[in-house]
Structure formats: structure tokens, C-alpha cells
Amino acid sequence: MALATSLRKVAQKVIKQFGGSVTVRFVTPGTYNTTTGAITETTSDSAIQGVLDNVNVREVNELVQASDRKLIVAAADLTTVPNTEDRAVISNVSYQIIQVQTIEQDNTAIVYELILRT
């Protein structure tokens, strides 16, 4: 467990030093409005640091496209695990989270790797 705690701290420190500003927008679906046909949603934002990169050609598959982006964020910076209903806002561009991969050690989340699409 001590190794996982140390890794979380190191990941958080490195991402803060080399990453850029990111807002993870957690989305909670609300009620369905029969008049407009829309579902209301409630959002909660977390401003953190993250490292943004292009998707590697080897990672392209049925789900991941070549134009997608990869965002790595420290798990210690978030109180909730992001999911595919949430979004990431980078430089005023809102990205849909397509896939979430948790990198962990000893069942402790170290970083989250998010695949993003505009």
C-alpha cells in the first residue's frame, strides 16, 4: 500500500509540473421534459492539471478513432472516477469522454487515461 501511495503522489506532482489546465465536467442526467423532449442535466466541474496527447495509431480500433485525443490526469486530483457521460474542457473546447482506463497499483488508482473526442 505504501508503494501505491507514493506512486499517486509522484504522478500528481509530475502531472502538475508538466501538464496544462483541464476542467473535468461531471454530468448527472436529470429529468425528461416532455414539452421540449430534452433531458436536463446537472454539471459539477473540477479544475485540475492534465497531460494531453494524440492517440497513437496502434490504439485505433472500433471505439477509438485516429482523430481522438488522450488525456492523462492524476487520480489523486479527482474525488470521483470519470465516466463516459462526463466531459473534459480544454482551452474552451468541450470533449466527450469515450473511454476511461484506470492505471492502478495494489488496487489503488494512480492515474486515469481518458480518450477524448470533440
PDB file of N, CA and C in Angstrom:
ATOM      1  N   MET A   1       0.815  -1.192   0.000  1.00  0.00           N
ATOM      2  CA  MET A   1       0.000   0.000   0.000  1.00  0.00           C
ATOM      3  C   MET A   1       0.862   1.261   0.000  1.00  0.00           C
ATOM      4  N   ALA A   2       2.037   1.187   0.634  1.00  0.00           N
ATOM      5  CA  ALA A   2       2.908   2.356   0.683  1.00  0.00           C
ATOM      6  C   ALA A   2       3.419   2.717  -0.706  1.00  0.00           C
ATOM      7  N   LEU A   3       3.667   1.694  -1.543  1.00  0.00           N
ATOM      8  CA  LEU A   3       4.114   1.953  -2.902  1.00  0.00           C
ATOM      9  C   LEU A   3       3.035   2.670  -3.698  1.00  0.00           C
ATOM     10  N   ALA A   4       1.794   2.240  -3.552  1.00  0.00           N
ATOM     11  CA  ALA A   4       0.687   2.878  -4.282  1.00  0.00           C
ATOM     12  C   ALA A   4       0.527   4.334  -3.859  1.00  0.00           C
ATOM     13  N   THR A   5       0.644   4.604  -2.572  1.00  0.00           N
ATOM     14  CA  THR A   5       0.531   5.981  -2.080  1.00  0.00           C
ATOM     15  C   THR A   5       1.657   6.843  -2.628  1.00  0.00           C
ATOM     16  N   SER A   6       2.857   6.303  -2.669  1.00  0.00           N
ATOM     17  CA  SER A   6       3.997   7.046  -3.217  1.00  0.00           C
ATOM     18  C   SER A   6       3.811   7.308  -4.702  1.00  0.00           C
ATOM     19  N   LEU A   7       3.332   6.311  -5.444  1.00  0.00           N
ATOM     20  CA  LEU A   7       3.100   6.476  -6.871  1.00  0.00           C
ATOM     21  C   LEU A   7       2.035   7.530  -7.149  1.00  0.00           C
ATOM     22  N   ARG A   8       0.984   7.558  -6.338  1.00  0.00           N
ATOM     23  CA  ARG A   8      -0.060   8.582  -6.506  1.00  0.00           C
ATOM     24  C   ARG A   8       0.525   9.983  -6.354  1.00  0.00           C
ATOM     25  N   LYS A   9       1.371  10.158  -5.342  1.00  0.00           N
ATOM     26  CA  LYS A   9       1.980  11.468  -5.094  1.00  0.00           C
ATOM     27  C   LYS A   9       2.926  11.866  -6.216  1.00  0.00           C
ATOM     28  N   VAL A  10       3.717  10.910  -6.701  1.00  0.00           N
ATOM     29  CA  VAL A  10       4.658  11.194  -7.791  1.00  0.00           C
ATOM     30  C   VAL A  10       3.891  11.550  -9.060  1.00  0.00           C
ATOM     31  N   ALA A  11       2.858  10.778  -9.391  1.00  0.00           N
ATOM     32  CA  ALA A  11       2.051  11.063 -10.587  1.00  0.00           C
ATOM     33  C   ALA A  11       1.422  12.445 -10.493  1.00  0.00           C
ATOM     34  N   GLN A  12       0.884  12.776  -9.342  1.00  0.00           N
ATOM     35  CA  GLN A  12       0.255  14.079  -9.144  1.00  0.00           C
ATOM     36  C   GLN A  12       1.276  15.205  -9.322  1.00  0.00           C
ATOM     37  N   LYS A  13       2.457  15.033  -8.771  1.00  0.00           N
ATOM     38  CA  LYS A  13       3.496  16.062  -8.861  1.00  0.00           C
ATOM     39  C   LYS A  13       3.980  16.246 -10.306  1.00  0.00           C
ATOM     40  N   VAL A  14       4.216  15.150 -11.014  1.00  0.00           N
ATOM     41  CA  VAL A  14       4.708  15.224 -12.390  1.00  0.00           C
ATOM     42  C   VAL A  14       3.663  15.852 -13.307  1.00  0.00           C
ATOM     43  N   ILE A  15       2.407  15.450 -13.155  1.00  0.00           N
ATOM     44  CA  ILE A  15       1.346  15.998 -13.999  1.00  0.00           C
ATOM     45  C   ILE A  15       1.141  17.482 -13.712  1.00  0.00           C
ATOM     46  N   LYS A  16       1.235  17.874 -12.457  1.00  0.00           N
ATOM     47  CA  LYS A  16       1.114  19.304 -12.131  1.00  0.00           C
ATOM     48  C   LYS A  16       2.255  20.107 -12.743  1.00  0.00           C
ATOM     49  N   GLN A  17       3.455  19.517 -12.771  1.00  0.00           N
ATOM     50  CA  GLN A  17       4.615  20.237 -13.295  1.00  0.00           C
ATOM     51  C   GLN A  17       4.573  20.342 -14.816  1.00  0.00           C
ATOM     52  N   PHE A  18       4.176  19.282 -15.507  1.00  0.00           N
ATOM     53  CA  PHE A  18       4.261  19.254 -16.966  1.00  0.00           C
ATOM     54  C   PHE A  18       2.916  19.350 -17.676  1.00  0.00           C
ATOM     55  N   GLY A  19       1.828  19.283 -16.937  1.00  0.00           N
ATOM     56  CA  GLY A  19       0.506  19.301 -17.548  1.00  0.00           C
ATOM     57  C   GLY A  19      -0.040  20.700 -17.731  1.00  0.00           C
ATOM     58  N   GLY A  20      -1.189  20.759 -18.386  1.00  0.00           N
ATOM     59  CA  GLY A  20      -1.883  22.013 -18.601  1.00  0.00           C
ATOM     60  C   GLY A  20      -3.218  22.011 -17.878  1.00  0.00           C
ATOM     61  N   SER A  21      -3.892  23.135 -17.904  1.00  0.00           N
ATOM     62  CA  SER A  21      -5.176  23.280 -17.220  1.00  0.00           C
ATOM     63  C   SER A  21      -6.272  22.500 -17.940  1.00  0.00           C
ATOM     64  N   VAL A  22      -7.033  21.766 -17.159  1.00  0.00           N
ATOM     65  CA  VAL A  22      -8.135  20.943 -17.664  1.00  0.00           C
ATOM     66  C   VAL A  22      -9.290  21.065 -16.688  1.00  0.00           C
ATOM     67  N   THR A  23     -10.494  21.087 -17.208  1.00  0.00           N
ATOM     68  CA  THR A  23     -11.681  21.023 -16.366  1.00  0.00           C
ATOM     69  C   THR A  23     -12.391  19.718 -16.680  1.00  0.00           C
ATOM     70  N   VAL A  24     -12.543  18.881 -15.677  1.00  0.00           N
ATOM     71  CA  VAL A  24     -13.337  17.667 -15.837  1.00  0.00           C
ATOM     72  C   VAL A  24     -14.749  18.021 -15.387  1.00  0.00           C
ATOM     73  N   ARG A  25     -15.693  17.888 -16.306  1.00  0.00           N
ATOM     74  CA  ARG A  25     -17.086  18.251 -16.050  1.00  0.00           C
ATOM     75  C   ARG A  25     -17.886  16.970 -15.834  1.00  0.00           C
ATOM     76  N   PHE A  26     -18.262  16.736 -14.579  1.00  0.00           N
ATOM     77  CA  PHE A  26     -19.053  15.564 -14.235  1.00  0.00           C
ATOM     78  C   PHE A  26     -20.520  15.879 -14.525  1.00  0.00           C
ATOM     79  N   VAL A  27     -21.172  15.014 -15.284  1.00  0.00           N
ATOM     80  CA  VAL A  27     -22.544  15.235 -15.730  1.00  0.00           C
ATOM     81  C   VAL A  27     -23.461  14.225 -15.058  1.00  0.00           C
ATOM     82  N   THR A  28     -24.529  14.751 -14.434  1.00  0.00           N
ATOM     83  CA  THR A  28     -25.559  13.908 -13.837  1.00  0.00           C
ATOM     84  C   THR A  28     -26.852  14.136 -14.597  1.00  0.00           C
ATOM     85  N   PRO A  29     -27.378  13.084 -15.263  1.00  0.00           N
ATOM     86  CA  PRO A  29     -28.631  13.268 -16.001  1.00  0.00           C
ATOM     87  C   PRO A  29     -29.773  13.583 -15.042  1.00  0.00           C
ATOM     88  N   GLY A  30     -30.666  14.449 -15.506  1.00  0.00           N
ATOM     89  CA  GLY A  30     -31.802  14.852 -14.678  1.00  0.00           C
ATOM     90  C   GLY A  30     -33.097  14.247 -15.189  1.00  0.00           C
ATOM     91  N   THR A  31     -34.097  15.068 -15.252  1.00  0.00           N
ATOM     92  CA  THR A  31     -35.422  14.597 -15.637  1.00  0.00           C
ATOM     93  C   THR A  31     -35.694  14.866 -17.112  1.00  0.00           C
ATOM     94  N   TYR A  32     -36.647  14.132 -17.647  1.00  0.00           N
ATOM     95  CA  TYR A  32     -37.051  14.280 -19.034  1.00  0.00           C
ATOM     96  C   TYR A  32     -38.169  15.306 -19.114  1.00  0.00           C
ATOM     97  N   ASN A  33     -38.015  16.303 -19.977  1.00  0.00           N
ATOM     98  CA  ASN A  33     -39.021  17.332 -20.194  1.00  0.00           C
ATOM     99  C   ASN A  33     -39.869  16.916 -21.396  1.00  0.00           C
ATOM    100  N   THR A  34     -41.128  16.572 -21.142  1.00  0.00           N
ATOM    101  CA  THR A  34     -41.996  16.092 -22.223  1.00  0.00           C
ATOM    102  C   THR A  34     -42.336  17.176 -23.226  1.00  0.00           C
ATOM    103  N   THR A  35     -42.297  18.424 -22.822  1.00  0.00           N
ATOM    104  CA  THR A  35     -42.618  19.528 -23.723  1.00  0.00           C
ATOM    105  C   THR A  35     -41.510  19.742 -24.752  1.00  0.00           C
ATOM    106  N   THR A  36     -40.269  19.797 -24.286  1.00  0.00           N
ATOM    107  CA  THR A  36     -39.141  20.064 -25.184  1.00  0.00           C
ATOM    108  C   THR A  36     -38.499  18.785 -25.717  1.00  0.00           C
ATOM    109  N   GLY A  37     -38.730  17.678 -25.057  1.00  0.00           N
ATOM    110  CA  GLY A  37     -38.114  16.415 -25.466  1.00  0.00           C
ATOM    111  C   GLY A  37     -36.657  16.304 -25.065  1.00  0.00           C
ATOM    112  N   ALA A  38     -36.216  17.147 -24.147  1.00  0.00           N
ATOM    113  CA  ALA A  38     -34.817  17.153 -23.720  1.00  0.00           C
ATOM    114  C   ALA A  38     -34.687  16.632 -22.297  1.00  0.00           C
ATOM    115  N   ILE A  39     -33.512  16.115 -22.006  1.00  0.00           N
ATOM    116  CA  ILE A  39     -33.206  15.664 -20.651  1.00  0.00           C
ATOM    117  C   ILE A  39     -32.328  16.723 -20.006  1.00  0.00           C
ATOM    118  N   THR A  40     -32.751  17.204 -18.846  1.00  0.00           N
ATOM    119  CA  THR A  40     -31.935  18.189 -18.136  1.00  0.00           C
ATOM    120  C   THR A  40     -30.726  17.487 -17.537  1.00  0.00           C
ATOM    121  N   GLU A  41     -29.705  18.240 -17.315  1.00  0.00           N
ATOM    122  CA  GLU A  41     -28.518  17.673 -16.684  1.00  0.00           C
ATOM    123  C   GLU A  41     -27.925  18.665 -15.709  1.00  0.00           C
ATOM    124  N   THR A  42     -27.286  18.113 -14.694  1.00  0.00           N
ATOM    125  CA  THR A  42     -26.587  18.905 -13.705  1.00  0.00           C
ATOM    126  C   THR A  42     -25.102  18.628 -13.866  1.00  0.00           C
ATOM    127  N   THR A  43     -24.288  19.685 -13.842  1.00  0.00           N
ATOM    128  CA  THR A  43     -22.851  19.507 -14.009  1.00  0.00           C
ATOM    129  C   THR A  43     -22.101  19.986 -12.770  1.00  0.00           C
ATOM    130  N   SER A  44     -20.964  19.365 -12.561  1.00  0.00           N
ATOM    131  CA  SER A  44     -20.069  19.731 -11.481  1.00  0.00           C
ATOM    132  C   SER A  44     -18.656  19.736 -12.057  1.00  0.00           C
ATOM    133  N   ASP A  45     -17.940  20.849 -11.926  1.00  0.00           N
ATOM    134  CA  ASP A  45     -16.615  20.991 -12.532  1.00  0.00           C
ATOM    135  C   ASP A  45     -15.493  20.819 -11.515  1.00  0.00           C
ATOM    136  N   SER A  46     -14.410  20.180 -11.987  1.00  0.00           N
ATOM    137  CA  SER A  46     -13.179  20.057 -11.203  1.00  0.00           C
ATOM    138  C   SER A  46     -12.035  20.575 -12.064  1.00  0.00           C
ATOM    139  N   ALA A  47     -11.406  21.655 -11.627  1.00  0.00           N
ATOM    140  CA  ALA A  47     -10.264  22.222 -12.354  1.00  0.00           C
ATOM    141  C   ALA A  47      -8.995  21.541 -11.867  1.00  0.00           C
ATOM    142  N   ILE A  48      -8.300  20.864 -12.791  1.00  0.00           N
ATOM    143  CA  ILE A  48      -7.094  20.113 -12.451  1.00  0.00           C
ATOM    144  C   ILE A  48      -6.057  20.311 -13.548  1.00  0.00           C
ATOM    145  N   GLN A  49      -4.937  19.626 -13.433  1.00  0.00           N
ATOM    146  CA  GLN A  49      -3.898  19.606 -14.456  1.00  0.00           C
ATOM    147  C   GLN A  49      -3.948  18.252 -15.160  1.00  0.00           C
ATOM    148  N   GLY A  50      -3.589  18.250 -16.455  1.00  0.00           N
ATOM    149  CA  GLY A  50      -3.565  17.007 -17.203  1.00  0.00           C
ATOM    150  C   GLY A  50      -2.585  17.096 -18.361  1.00  0.00           C
ATOM    151  N   VAL A  51      -2.170  15.948 -18.842  1.00  0.00           N
ATOM    152  CA  VAL A  51      -1.258  15.870 -19.972  1.00  0.00           C
ATOM    153  C   VAL A  51      -2.045  15.377 -21.176  1.00  0.00           C
ATOM    154  N   LEU A  52      -2.090  16.212 -22.234  1.00  0.00           N
ATOM    155  CA  LEU A  52      -2.862  15.915 -23.432  1.00  0.00           C
ATOM    156  C   LEU A  52      -1.924  15.434 -24.532  1.00  0.00           C
ATOM    157  N   ASP A  53      -2.351  14.384 -25.239  1.00  0.00           N
ATOM    158  CA  ASP A  53      -1.541  13.810 -26.302  1.00  0.00           C
ATOM    159  C   ASP A  53      -2.461  13.296 -27.398  1.00  0.00           C
ATOM    160  N   ASN A  54      -1.900  13.039 -28.560  1.00  0.00           N
ATOM    161  CA  ASN A  54      -2.658  12.422 -29.643  1.00  0.00           C
ATOM    162  C   ASN A  54      -2.746  10.920 -29.407  1.00  0.00           C
ATOM    163  N   VAL A  55      -3.769  10.309 -29.969  1.00  0.00           N
ATOM    164  CA  VAL A  55      -3.907   8.865 -29.899  1.00  0.00           C
ATOM    165  C   VAL A  55      -2.884   8.247 -30.848  1.00  0.00           C
ATOM    166  N   ASN A  56      -2.204   7.221 -30.394  1.00  0.00           N
ATOM    167  CA  ASN A  56      -1.237   6.506 -31.212  1.00  0.00           C
ATOM    168  C   ASN A  56      -1.970   5.648 -32.235  1.00  0.00           C
ATOM    169  N   VAL A  57      -1.402   5.463 -33.406  1.00  0.00           N
ATOM    170  CA  VAL A  57      -2.020   4.667 -34.463  1.00  0.00           C
ATOM    171  C   VAL A  57      -2.319   3.248 -33.971  1.00  0.00           C
ATOM    172  N   ARG A  58      -1.480   2.700 -33.124  1.00  0.00           N
ATOM    173  CA  ARG A  58      -1.699   1.346 -32.592  1.00  0.00           C
ATOM    174  C   ARG A  58      -2.943   1.270 -31.709  1.00  0.00           C
ATOM    175  N   GLU A  59      -3.394   2.405 -31.179  1.00  0.00           N
ATOM    176  CA  GLU A  59      -4.548   2.413 -30.281  1.00  0.00           C
ATOM    177  C   GLU A  59      -5.881   2.533 -31.020  1.00  0.00           C
ATOM    178  N   VAL A  60      -5.845   2.800 -32.311  1.00  0.00           N
ATOM    179  CA  VAL A  60      -7.070   2.966 -33.089  1.00  0.00           C
ATOM    180  C   VAL A  60      -7.741   1.605 -33.250  1.00  0.00           C
ATOM    181  N   ASN A  61      -9.062   1.575 -32.954  1.00  0.00           N
ATOM    182  CA  ASN A  61      -9.835   0.342 -33.076  1.00  0.00           C
ATOM    183  C   ASN A  61     -11.281   0.696 -33.382  1.00  0.00           C
ATOM    184  N   GLU A  62     -12.212  -0.206 -33.079  1.00  0.00           N
ATOM    185  CA  GLU A  62     -13.623   0.058 -33.346  1.00  0.00           C
ATOM    186  C   GLU A  62     -14.147   1.244 -32.551  1.00  0.00           C
ATOM    187  N   LEU A  63     -13.619   1.461 -31.368  1.00  0.00           N
ATOM    188  CA  LEU A  63     -14.083   2.544 -30.500  1.00  0.00           C
ATOM    189  C   LEU A  63     -13.249   3.811 -30.642  1.00  0.00           C
ATOM    190  N   VAL A  64     -11.943   3.656 -30.704  1.00  0.00           N
ATOM    191  CA  VAL A  64     -11.018   4.793 -30.716  1.00  0.00           C
ATOM    192  C   VAL A  64     -10.677   5.165 -32.157  1.00  0.00           C
ATOM    193  N   GLN A  65     -10.846   6.458 -32.482  1.00  0.00           N
ATOM    194  CA  GLN A  65     -10.561   6.959 -33.828  1.00  0.00           C
ATOM    195  C   GLN A  65      -9.210   7.677 -33.851  1.00  0.00           C
ATOM    196  N   ALA A  66      -8.641   7.792 -35.039  1.00  0.00           N
ATOM    197  CA  ALA A  66      -7.328   8.428 -35.185  1.00  0.00           C
ATOM    198  C   ALA A  66      -7.344   9.893 -34.775  1.00  0.00           C
ATOM    199  N   SER A  67      -8.494  10.556 -34.859  1.00  0.00           N
ATOM    200  CA  SER A  67      -8.584  11.977 -34.515  1.00  0.00           C
ATOM    201  C   SER A  67      -8.844  12.214 -33.020  1.00  0.00           C
ATOM    202  N   ASP A  68      -9.010  11.157 -32.245  1.00  0.00           N
ATOM    203  CA  ASP A  68      -9.239  11.304 -30.807  1.00  0.00           C
ATOM    204  C   ASP A  68      -7.975  11.775 -30.104  1.00  0.00           C
ATOM    205  N   ARG A  69      -8.145  12.263 -28.880  1.00  0.00           N
ATOM    206  CA  ARG A  69      -7.028  12.726 -28.057  1.00  0.00           C
ATOM    207  C   ARG A  69      -6.979  11.888 -26.788  1.00  0.00           C
ATOM    208  N   LYS A  70      -5.810  11.844 -26.162  1.00  0.00           N
ATOM    209  CA  LYS A  70      -5.629  11.109 -24.922  1.00  0.00           C
ATOM    210  C   LYS A  70      -5.239  12.094 -23.824  1.00  0.00           C
ATOM    211  N   LEU A  71      -5.947  12.030 -22.697  1.00  0.00           N
ATOM    212  CA  LEU A  71      -5.675  12.910 -21.566  1.00  0.00           C
ATOM    213  C   LEU A  71      -5.331  12.054 -20.356  1.00  0.00           C
ATOM    214  N   ILE A  72      -4.209  12.355 -19.716  1.00  0.00           N
ATOM    215  CA  ILE A  72      -3.807  11.638 -18.506  1.00  0.00           C
ATOM    216  C   ILE A  72      -3.907  12.603 -17.337  1.00  0.00           C
ATOM    217  N   VAL A  73      -4.680  12.192 -16.324  1.00  0.00           N
ATOM    218  CA  VAL A  73      -4.865  13.013 -15.121  1.00  0.00           C
ATOM    219  C   VAL A  73      -4.533  12.173 -13.888  1.00  0.00           C
ATOM    220  N   ALA A  74      -4.075  12.835 -12.843  1.00  0.00           N
ATOM    221  CA  ALA A  74      -3.752  12.155 -11.593  1.00  0.00           C
ATOM    222  C   ALA A  74      -5.033  11.782 -10.858  1.00  0.00           C
ATOM    223  N   ALA A  75      -5.126  10.546 -10.431  1.00  0.00           N
ATOM    224  CA  ALA A  75      -6.307  10.088  -9.709  1.00  0.00           C
ATOM    225  C   ALA A  75      -6.460  10.830  -8.380  1.00  0.00           C
ATOM    226  N   ALA A  76      -5.356  11.259  -7.802  1.00  0.00           N
ATOM    227  CA  ALA A  76      -5.406  11.974  -6.520  1.00  0.00           C
ATOM    228  C   ALA A  76      -6.089  13.333  -6.652  1.00  0.00           C
ATOM    229  N   ASP A  77      -6.158  13.874  -7.870  1.00  0.00           N
ATOM    230  CA  ASP A  77      -6.779  15.185  -8.077  1.00  0.00           C
ATOM    231  C   ASP A  77      -8.298  15.116  -8.176  1.00  0.00           C
ATOM    232  N   LEU A  78      -8.848  13.925  -8.347  1.00  0.00           N
ATOM    233  CA  LEU A  78     -10.293  13.765  -8.524  1.00  0.00           C
ATOM    234  C   LEU A  78     -10.887  12.944  -7.387  1.00  0.00           C
ATOM    235  N   THR A  79     -12.063  13.349  -6.937  1.00  0.00           N
ATOM    236  CA  THR A  79     -12.738  12.598  -5.881  1.00  0.00           C
ATOM    237  C   THR A  79     -13.650  11.521  -6.451  1.00  0.00           C
ATOM    238  N   THR A  80     -13.970  11.639  -7.754  1.00  0.00           N
ATOM    239  CA  THR A  80     -14.851  10.696  -8.433  1.00  0.00           C
ATOM    240  C   THR A  80     -14.161  10.204  -9.698  1.00  0.00           C
ATOM    241  N   VAL A  81     -14.349   8.945 -10.017  1.00  0.00           N
ATOM    242  CA  VAL A  81     -13.787   8.395 -11.247  1.00  0.00           C
ATOM    243  C   VAL A  81     -14.600   8.912 -12.435  1.00  0.00           C
ATOM    244  N   PRO A  82     -13.959   9.514 -13.440  1.00  0.00           N
ATOM    245  CA  PRO A  82     -14.705   9.981 -14.616  1.00  0.00           C
ATOM    246  C   PRO A  82     -15.313   8.793 -15.364  1.00  0.00           C
ATOM    247  N   ASN A  83     -16.413   9.054 -16.084  1.00  0.00           N
ATOM    248  CA  ASN A  83     -17.013   8.010 -16.908  1.00  0.00           C
ATOM    249  C   ASN A  83     -17.402   8.599 -18.259  1.00  0.00           C
ATOM    250  N   THR A  84     -18.003   7.791 -19.099  1.00  0.00           N
ATOM    251  CA  THR A  84     -18.286   8.211 -20.472  1.00  0.00           C
ATOM    252  C   THR A  84     -19.432   9.216 -20.579  1.00  0.00           C
ATOM    253  N   GLU A  85     -20.139   9.492 -19.511  1.00  0.00           N
ATOM    254  CA  GLU A  85     -21.163  10.536 -19.521  1.00  0.00           C
ATOM    255  C   GLU A  85     -20.559  11.917 -19.255  1.00  0.00           C
ATOM    256  N   ASP A  86     -19.329  11.937 -18.761  1.00  0.00           N
ATOM    257  CA  ASP A  86     -18.683  13.186 -18.380  1.00  0.00           C
ATOM    258  C   ASP A  86     -17.943  13.794 -19.570  1.00  0.00           C
ATOM    259  N   ARG A  87     -17.424  15.022 -19.368  1.00  0.00           N
ATOM    260  CA  ARG A  87     -16.706  15.720 -20.411  1.00  0.00           C
ATOM    261  C   ARG A  87     -15.410  16.318 -19.847  1.00  0.00           C
ATOM    262  N   ALA A  88     -14.509  16.654 -20.749  1.00  0.00           N
ATOM    263  CA  ALA A  88     -13.290  17.366 -20.380  1.00  0.00           C
ATOM    264  C   ALA A  88     -13.262  18.649 -21.200  1.00  0.00           C
ATOM    265  N   VAL A  89     -12.977  19.770 -20.540  1.00  0.00           N
ATOM    266  CA  VAL A  89     -12.908  21.058 -21.222  1.00  0.00           C
ATOM    267  C   VAL A  89     -11.461  21.526 -21.182  1.00  0.00           C
ATOM    268  N   ILE A  90     -10.903  21.702 -22.401  1.00  0.00           N
ATOM    269  CA  ILE A  90      -9.510  22.118 -22.536  1.00  0.00           C
ATOM    270  C   ILE A  90      -9.485  23.281 -23.512  1.00  0.00           C
ATOM    271  N   SER A  91      -8.960  24.419 -23.082  1.00  0.00           N
ATOM    272  CA  SER A  91      -8.882  25.628 -23.927  1.00  0.00           C
ATOM    273  C   SER A  91     -10.238  25.960 -24.542  1.00  0.00           C
ATOM    274  N   ASN A  92     -11.273  25.952 -23.717  1.00  0.00           N
ATOM    275  CA  ASN A  92     -12.650  26.265 -24.113  1.00  0.00           C
ATOM    276  C   ASN A  92     -13.248  25.300 -25.134  1.00  0.00           C
ATOM    277  N   VAL A  93     -12.631  24.151 -25.351  1.00  0.00           N
ATOM    278  CA  VAL A  93     -13.176  23.116 -26.228  1.00  0.00           C
ATOM    279  C   VAL A  93     -13.677  21.978 -25.342  1.00  0.00           C
ATOM    280  N   SER A  94     -14.940  21.607 -25.537  1.00  0.00           N
ATOM    281  CA  SER A  94     -15.536  20.532 -24.751  1.00  0.00           C
ATOM    282  C   SER A  94     -15.370  19.206 -25.480  1.00  0.00           C
ATOM    283  N   TYR A  95     -14.771  18.239 -24.813  1.00  0.00           N
ATOM    284  CA  TYR A  95     -14.539  16.910 -25.367  1.00  0.00           C
ATOM    285  C   TYR A  95     -15.418  15.897 -24.633  1.00  0.00           C
ATOM    286  N   GLN A  96     -15.991  14.966 -25.369  1.00  0.00           N
ATOM    287  CA  GLN A  96     -16.728  13.858 -24.770  1.00  0.00           C
ATOM    288  C   GLN A  96     -15.711  12.793 -24.377  1.00  0.00           C
ATOM    289  N   ILE A  97     -15.877  12.207 -23.206  1.00  0.00           N
ATOM    290  CA  ILE A  97     -15.001  11.119 -22.781  1.00  0.00           C
ATOM    291  C   ILE A  97     -15.534   9.833 -23.408  1.00  0.00           C
ATOM    292  N   ILE A  98     -14.715   9.195 -24.219  1.00  0.00           N
ATOM    293  CA  ILE A  98     -15.105   7.993 -24.943  1.00  0.00           C
ATOM    294  C   ILE A  98     -14.740   6.738 -24.161  1.00  0.00           C
ATOM    295  N   GLN A  99     -13.601   6.781 -23.492  1.00  0.00           N
ATOM    296  CA  GLN A  99     -13.108   5.608 -22.764  1.00  0.00           C
ATOM    297  C   GLN A  99     -12.299   6.065 -21.567  1.00  0.00           C
ATOM    298  N   VAL A 100     -12.390   5.316 -20.477  1.00  0.00           N
ATOM    299  CA  VAL A 100     -11.610   5.605 -19.270  1.00  0.00           C
ATOM    300  C   VAL A 100     -10.830   4.349 -18.908  1.00  0.00           C
ATOM    301  N   GLN A 101      -9.523   4.505 -18.769  1.00  0.00           N
ATOM    302  CA  GLN A 101      -8.692   3.401 -18.312  1.00  0.00           C
ATOM    303  C   GLN A 101      -8.019   3.840 -17.022  1.00  0.00           C
ATOM    304  N   THR A 102      -8.132   3.017 -16.007  1.00  0.00           N
ATOM    305  CA  THR A 102      -7.515   3.308 -14.720  1.00  0.00           C
ATOM    306  C   THR A 102      -6.204   2.554 -14.615  1.00  0.00           C
ATOM    307  N   ILE A 103      -5.127   3.296 -14.392  1.00  0.00           N
ATOM    308  CA  ILE A 103      -3.825   2.686 -14.140  1.00  0.00           C
ATOM    309  C   ILE A 103      -3.692   2.616 -12.625  1.00  0.00           C
ATOM    310  N   GLU A 104      -3.506   1.412 -12.125  1.00  0.00           N
ATOM    311  CA  GLU A 104      -3.500   1.249 -10.664  1.00  0.00           C
ATOM    312  C   GLU A 104      -2.352   0.377 -10.194  1.00  0.00           C
ATOM    313  N   GLN A 105      -2.088   0.489  -8.918  1.00  0.00           N
ATOM    314  CA  GLN A 105      -1.100  -0.331  -8.228  1.00  0.00           C
ATOM    315  C   GLN A 105      -1.716  -0.769  -6.912  1.00  0.00           C
ATOM    316  N   ASP A 106      -1.745  -2.054  -6.657  1.00  0.00           N
ATOM    317  CA  ASP A 106      -2.281  -2.584  -5.403  1.00  0.00           C
ATOM    318  C   ASP A 106      -3.729  -2.125  -5.175  1.00  0.00           C
ATOM    319  N   ASN A 107      -4.527  -2.153  -6.258  1.00  0.00           N
ATOM    320  CA  ASN A 107      -5.940  -1.745  -6.230  1.00  0.00           C
ATOM    321  C   ASN A 107      -6.149  -0.279  -5.844  1.00  0.00           C
ATOM    322  N   THR A 108      -5.139   0.540  -6.048  1.00  0.00           N
ATOM    323  CA  THR A 108      -5.244   1.970  -5.799  1.00  0.00           C
ATOM    324  C   THR A 108      -5.017   2.702  -7.120  1.00  0.00           C
ATOM    325  N   ALA A 109      -5.972   3.544  -7.510  1.00  0.00           N
ATOM    326  CA  ALA A 109      -5.858   4.292  -8.760  1.00  0.00           C
ATOM    327  C   ALA A 109      -4.699   5.275  -8.682  1.00  0.00           C
ATOM    328  N   ILE A 110      -3.838   5.244  -9.703  1.00  0.00           N
ATOM    329  CA  ILE A 110      -2.698   6.156  -9.779  1.00  0.00           C
ATOM    330  C   ILE A 110      -3.027   7.300 -10.742  1.00  0.00           C
ATOM    331  N   VAL A 111      -3.387   6.938 -11.984  1.00  0.00           N
ATOM    332  CA  VAL A 111      -3.788   7.918 -12.991  1.00  0.00           C
ATOM    333  C   VAL A 111      -4.977   7.372 -13.770  1.00  0.00           C
ATOM    334  N   TYR A 112      -5.712   8.304 -14.392  1.00  0.00           N
ATOM    335  CA  TYR A 112      -6.777   7.941 -15.312  1.00  0.00           C
ATOM    336  C   TYR A 112      -6.345   8.373 -16.700  1.00  0.00           C
ATOM    337  N   GLU A 113      -6.475   7.472 -17.657  1.00  0.00           N
ATOM    338  CA  GLU A 113      -6.196   7.782 -19.047  1.00  0.00           C
ATOM    339  C   GLU A 113      -7.547   7.892 -19.752  1.00  0.00           C
ATOM    340  N   LEU A 114      -7.859   9.094 -20.231  1.00  0.00           N
ATOM    341  CA  LEU A 114      -9.156   9.363 -20.844  1.00  0.00           C
ATOM    342  C   LEU A 114      -8.984   9.534 -22.348  1.00  0.00           C
ATOM    343  N   ILE A 115      -9.788   8.838 -23.124  1.00  0.00           N
ATOM    344  CA  ILE A 115      -9.813   9.033 -24.570  1.00  0.00           C
ATOM    345  C   ILE A 115     -10.918  10.035 -24.850  1.00  0.00           C
ATOM    346  N   LEU A 116     -10.579  11.137 -25.545  1.00  0.00           N
ATOM    347  CA  LEU A 116     -11.495  12.250 -25.761  1.00  0.00           C
ATOM    348  C   LEU A 116     -11.827  12.420 -27.233  1.00  0.00           C
ATOM    349  N   ARG A 117     -13.042  12.915 -27.495  1.00  0.00           N
ATOM    350  CA  ARG A 117     -13.470  13.203 -28.866  1.00  0.00           C
ATOM    351  C   ARG A 117     -14.271  14.500 -28.856  1.00  0.00           C
ATOM    352  N   THR A 118     -14.041  15.344 -29.882  1.00  0.00           N
ATOM    353  CA  THR A 118     -14.803  16.593 -29.989  1.00  0.00           C
ATOM    354  C   THR A 118     -16.154  16.341 -30.592  1.00  0.00           C
TER     355      THR A 118
END
